Amino acid sequence: MTAPNLCPACGARNNCSMASEQIEDQPCWCYSVSIDPQILQALAPEQRNSACLCPRCADVLSQLPPASTQQLT
């Protein structure tokens, strides 16, 4: 099982606010992007719903503000 703060696809930090006690009360970066459902379907079944993807694996870096992109990569 993947740790909730790591991307199940690559193992990098996913920067999920829900997985961080310090910022769990803030909206996650993923709330402001649109992730292609095919990306999620490409994950192995055991990787789905285990943890958030990182912005790179979710292919949403271009949807994030420049300041956020620097913090997440």
C-alpha atoms as a PDB file:
ATOM      1  CA  MET A   1       0.000   0.000   0.000  1.00  0.00           C
ATOM      2  CA  THR A   2       1.263   3.459  -0.914  1.00  0.00           C
ATOM      3  CA  ALA A   3       1.824   6.073   1.787  1.00  0.00           C
ATOM      4  CA  PRO A   4      -0.859   8.786   1.493  1.00  0.00           C
ATOM      5  CA  ASN A   5       1.761  11.505   0.890  1.00  0.00           C
ATOM      6  CA  LEU A   6       3.438   9.663  -2.012  1.00  0.00           C
ATOM      7  CA  CYS A   7       2.343   9.336  -5.623  1.00  0.00           C
ATOM      8  CA  PRO A   8       1.294   5.728  -6.310  1.00  0.00           C
ATOM      9  CA  ALA A   9       2.669   5.947  -9.864  1.00  0.00           C
ATOM     10  CA  CYS A  10       6.209   7.263  -9.256  1.00  0.00           C
ATOM     11  CA  GLY A  11       6.717   7.382  -5.483  1.00  0.00           C
ATOM     12  CA  ALA A  12       7.437  11.145  -5.371  1.00  0.00           C
ATOM     13  CA  ARG A  13       5.771  13.444  -2.848  1.00  0.00           C
ATOM     14  CA  ASN A  14       2.266  14.226  -4.059  1.00  0.00           C
ATOM     15  CA  ASN A  15       1.861  17.406  -1.960  1.00  0.00           C
ATOM     16  CA  CYS A  16      -1.661  16.342  -1.006  1.00  0.00           C
ATOM     17  CA  SER A  17      -3.004  18.651   1.694  1.00  0.00           C
ATOM     18  CA  MET A  18      -5.248  15.858   2.968  1.00  0.00           C
ATOM     19  CA  ALA A  19      -2.142  13.753   3.728  1.00  0.00           C
ATOM     20  CA  SER A  20      -0.390  16.512   5.690  1.00  0.00           C
ATOM     21  CA  GLU A  21      -1.357  17.313   9.263  1.00  0.00           C
ATOM     22  CA  GLN A  22       0.059  20.840   8.859  1.00  0.00           C
ATOM     23  CA  ILE A  23      -2.211  21.797   5.952  1.00  0.00           C
ATOM     24  CA  GLU A  24      -5.029  19.228   6.026  1.00  0.00           C
ATOM     25  CA  ASP A  25      -7.589  22.010   6.555  1.00  0.00           C
ATOM     26  CA  GLN A  26      -6.617  23.715   3.263  1.00  0.00           C
ATOM     27  CA  PRO A  27      -7.918  22.770  -0.182  1.00  0.00           C
ATOM     28  CA  CYS A  28      -5.613  20.458  -2.080  1.00  0.00           C
ATOM     29  CA  TRP A  29      -3.946  21.573  -5.328  1.00  0.00           C
ATOM     30  CA  CYS A  30      -5.952  18.890  -7.150  1.00  0.00           C
ATOM     31  CA  TYR A  31      -9.208  20.731  -6.457  1.00  0.00           C
ATOM     32  CA  SER A  32      -8.229  23.391  -8.997  1.00  0.00           C
ATOM     33  CA  VAL A  33      -7.240  21.105 -11.891  1.00  0.00           C
ATOM     34  CA  SER A  34      -8.871  18.655 -14.259  1.00  0.00           C
ATOM     35  CA  ILE A  35      -7.236  15.214 -14.374  1.00  0.00           C
ATOM     36  CA  ASP A  36      -7.877  13.149 -17.476  1.00  0.00           C
ATOM     37  CA  PRO A  37      -9.831  10.035 -16.416  1.00  0.00           C
ATOM     38  CA  GLN A  38      -7.639   7.930 -18.734  1.00  0.00           C
ATOM     39  CA  ILE A  39      -4.631   8.729 -16.529  1.00  0.00           C
ATOM     40  CA  LEU A  40      -6.440   7.301 -13.538  1.00  0.00           C
ATOM     41  CA  GLN A  41      -7.628   4.268 -15.499  1.00  0.00           C
ATOM     42  CA  ALA A  42      -4.027   3.576 -16.580  1.00  0.00           C
ATOM     43  CA  LEU A  43      -3.049   2.940 -12.959  1.00  0.00           C
ATOM     44  CA  ALA A  44      -2.975  -0.648 -11.782  1.00  0.00           C
ATOM     45  CA  PRO A  45      -6.141  -1.454  -9.786  1.00  0.00           C
ATOM     46  CA  GLU A  46      -4.191  -1.686  -6.521  1.00  0.00           C
ATOM     47  CA  GLN A  47      -2.801   1.852  -7.091  1.00  0.00           C
ATOM     48  CA  ARG A  48      -6.211   3.477  -7.559  1.00  0.00           C
ATOM     49  CA  ASN A  49      -7.764   5.243  -4.589  1.00  0.00           C
ATOM     50  CA  SER A  50      -4.693   4.564  -2.437  1.00  0.00           C
ATOM     51  CA  ALA A  51      -3.117   8.035  -2.628  1.00  0.00           C
ATOM     52  CA  CYS A  52      -3.151  11.139  -4.814  1.00  0.00           C
ATOM     53  CA  LEU A  53      -1.011  11.307  -7.906  1.00  0.00           C
ATOM     54  CA  CYS A  54       1.711  13.937  -7.997  1.00  0.00           C
ATOM     55  CA  PRO A  55       1.083  16.875 -10.375  1.00  0.00           C
ATOM     56  CA  ARG A  56       3.615  15.485 -12.883  1.00  0.00           C
ATOM     57  CA  CYS A  57       2.004  12.035 -13.102  1.00  0.00           C
ATOM     58  CA  ALA A  58      -1.445  13.630 -13.180  1.00  0.00           C
ATOM     59  CA  ASP A  59      -0.166  15.685 -16.147  1.00  0.00           C
ATOM     60  CA  VAL A  60      -1.523  18.936 -14.714  1.00  0.00           C
ATOM     61  CA  LEU A  61       1.610  21.074 -14.268  1.00  0.00           C
ATOM     62  CA  SER A  62       0.419  23.436 -17.014  1.00  0.00           C
ATOM     63  CA  GLN A  63      -2.871  23.981 -15.120  1.00  0.00           C
ATOM     64  CA  LEU A  64      -1.188  25.139 -11.905  1.00  0.00           C
ATOM     65  CA  PRO A  65      -0.084  28.723 -11.197  1.00  0.00           C
ATOM     66  CA  PRO A  66       3.689  29.232 -11.678  1.00  0.00           C
ATOM     67  CA  ALA A  67       4.324  29.701  -7.931  1.00  0.00           C
ATOM     68  CA  SER A  68       2.525  26.436  -7.129  1.00  0.00           C
ATOM     69  CA  THR A  69       4.418  24.572  -9.819  1.00  0.00           C
ATOM     70  CA  GLN A  70       7.758  25.551  -8.273  1.00  0.00           C
ATOM     71  CA  GLN A  71       6.665  24.281  -4.848  1.00  0.00           C
ATOM     72  CA  LEU A  72       5.348  20.980  -6.188  1.00  0.00           C
ATOM     73  CA  THR A  73       8.247  19.912  -8.368  1.00  0.00           C
END
